[in-house]
Amino acid sequence: MKNHIKKLRKAKAIENDKYNPTLESAIKLAKLLDTTEEELFMPDT
């Protein structure tokens, strides 16, 4: 039941432009690769 409620809240947040699933994906990918989001997506300077 809790998971269902969490999904409903996430869907509502997406509809209201208060949630960006791409950001969550970036955070998960950075953790998986043991780096930061900035290092993963920012071009070298």
C-alpha atoms as a PDB file:
ATOM      1  CA  MET A   1       0.000   0.000   0.000  1.00  0.00           C
ATOM      2  CA  LYS A   2       2.793   2.439   0.856  1.00  0.00           C
ATOM      3  CA  ASN A   3       4.455   1.847  -2.524  1.00  0.00           C
ATOM      4  CA  HIS A   4       1.170   2.573  -4.313  1.00  0.00           C
ATOM      5  CA  ILE A   5       0.771   5.853  -2.442  1.00  0.00           C
ATOM      6  CA  LYS A   6       4.369   6.788  -3.240  1.00  0.00           C
ATOM      7  CA  LYS A   7       3.724   6.201  -6.952  1.00  0.00           C
ATOM      8  CA  LEU A   8       0.570   8.313  -6.845  1.00  0.00           C
ATOM      9  CA  ARG A   9       2.409  11.179  -5.135  1.00  0.00           C
ATOM     10  CA  LYS A  10       5.222  10.981  -7.684  1.00  0.00           C
ATOM     11  CA  ALA A  11       2.736  11.047 -10.569  1.00  0.00           C
ATOM     12  CA  LYS A  12       0.980  14.073  -9.073  1.00  0.00           C
ATOM     13  CA  ALA A  13       4.306  15.865  -8.610  1.00  0.00           C
ATOM     14  CA  ILE A  14       5.227  15.207 -12.245  1.00  0.00           C
ATOM     15  CA  GLU A  15       1.871  16.621 -13.369  1.00  0.00           C
ATOM     16  CA  ASN A  16       2.484  19.774 -11.316  1.00  0.00           C
ATOM     17  CA  ASP A  17       6.055  20.213 -12.640  1.00  0.00           C
ATOM     18  CA  LYS A  18       7.450  19.764  -9.120  1.00  0.00           C
ATOM     19  CA  TYR A  19       9.351  16.568  -9.874  1.00  0.00           C
ATOM     20  CA  ASN A  20      11.898  15.765 -12.545  1.00  0.00           C
ATOM     21  CA  PRO A  21      12.408  12.016 -12.968  1.00  0.00           C
ATOM     22  CA  THR A  22      15.539  12.717 -14.984  1.00  0.00           C
ATOM     23  CA  LEU A  23      17.150  14.227 -11.899  1.00  0.00           C
ATOM     24  CA  GLU A  24      16.415  11.098  -9.877  1.00  0.00           C
ATOM     25  CA  SER A  25      17.931   8.979 -12.657  1.00  0.00           C
ATOM     26  CA  ALA A  26      21.052  11.152 -12.696  1.00  0.00           C
ATOM     27  CA  ILE A  27      21.485  10.790  -8.935  1.00  0.00           C
ATOM     28  CA  LYS A  28      21.063   7.008  -9.098  1.00  0.00           C
ATOM     29  CA  LEU A  29      23.494   6.722 -12.005  1.00  0.00           C
ATOM     30  CA  ALA A  30      26.102   8.827 -10.227  1.00  0.00           C
ATOM     31  CA  LYS A  31      25.809   6.654  -7.096  1.00  0.00           C
ATOM     32  CA  LEU A  32      26.085   3.508  -9.192  1.00  0.00           C
ATOM     33  CA  LEU A  33      29.257   4.830 -10.817  1.00  0.00           C
ATOM     34  CA  ASP A  34      30.622   6.130  -7.502  1.00  0.00           C
ATOM     35  CA  THR A  35      30.871   9.715  -8.674  1.00  0.00           C
ATOM     36  CA  THR A  36      28.917  12.958  -8.347  1.00  0.00           C
ATOM     37  CA  GLU A  37      26.237  14.256 -10.694  1.00  0.00           C
ATOM     38  CA  GLU A  38      28.453  17.222 -11.519  1.00  0.00           C
ATOM     39  CA  GLU A  39      31.390  15.048 -12.541  1.00  0.00           C
ATOM     40  CA  LEU A  40      29.106  12.827 -14.576  1.00  0.00           C
ATOM     41  CA  PHE A  41      27.332  15.526 -16.580  1.00  0.00           C
ATOM     42  CA  MET A  42      29.489  18.645 -16.588  1.00  0.00           C
ATOM     43  CA  PRO A  43      31.933  19.023 -19.460  1.00  0.00           C
ATOM     44  CA  ASP A  44      35.610  19.288 -18.666  1.00  0.00           C
ATOM     45  CA  THR A  45      36.822  22.852 -18.311  1.00  0.00           C
END
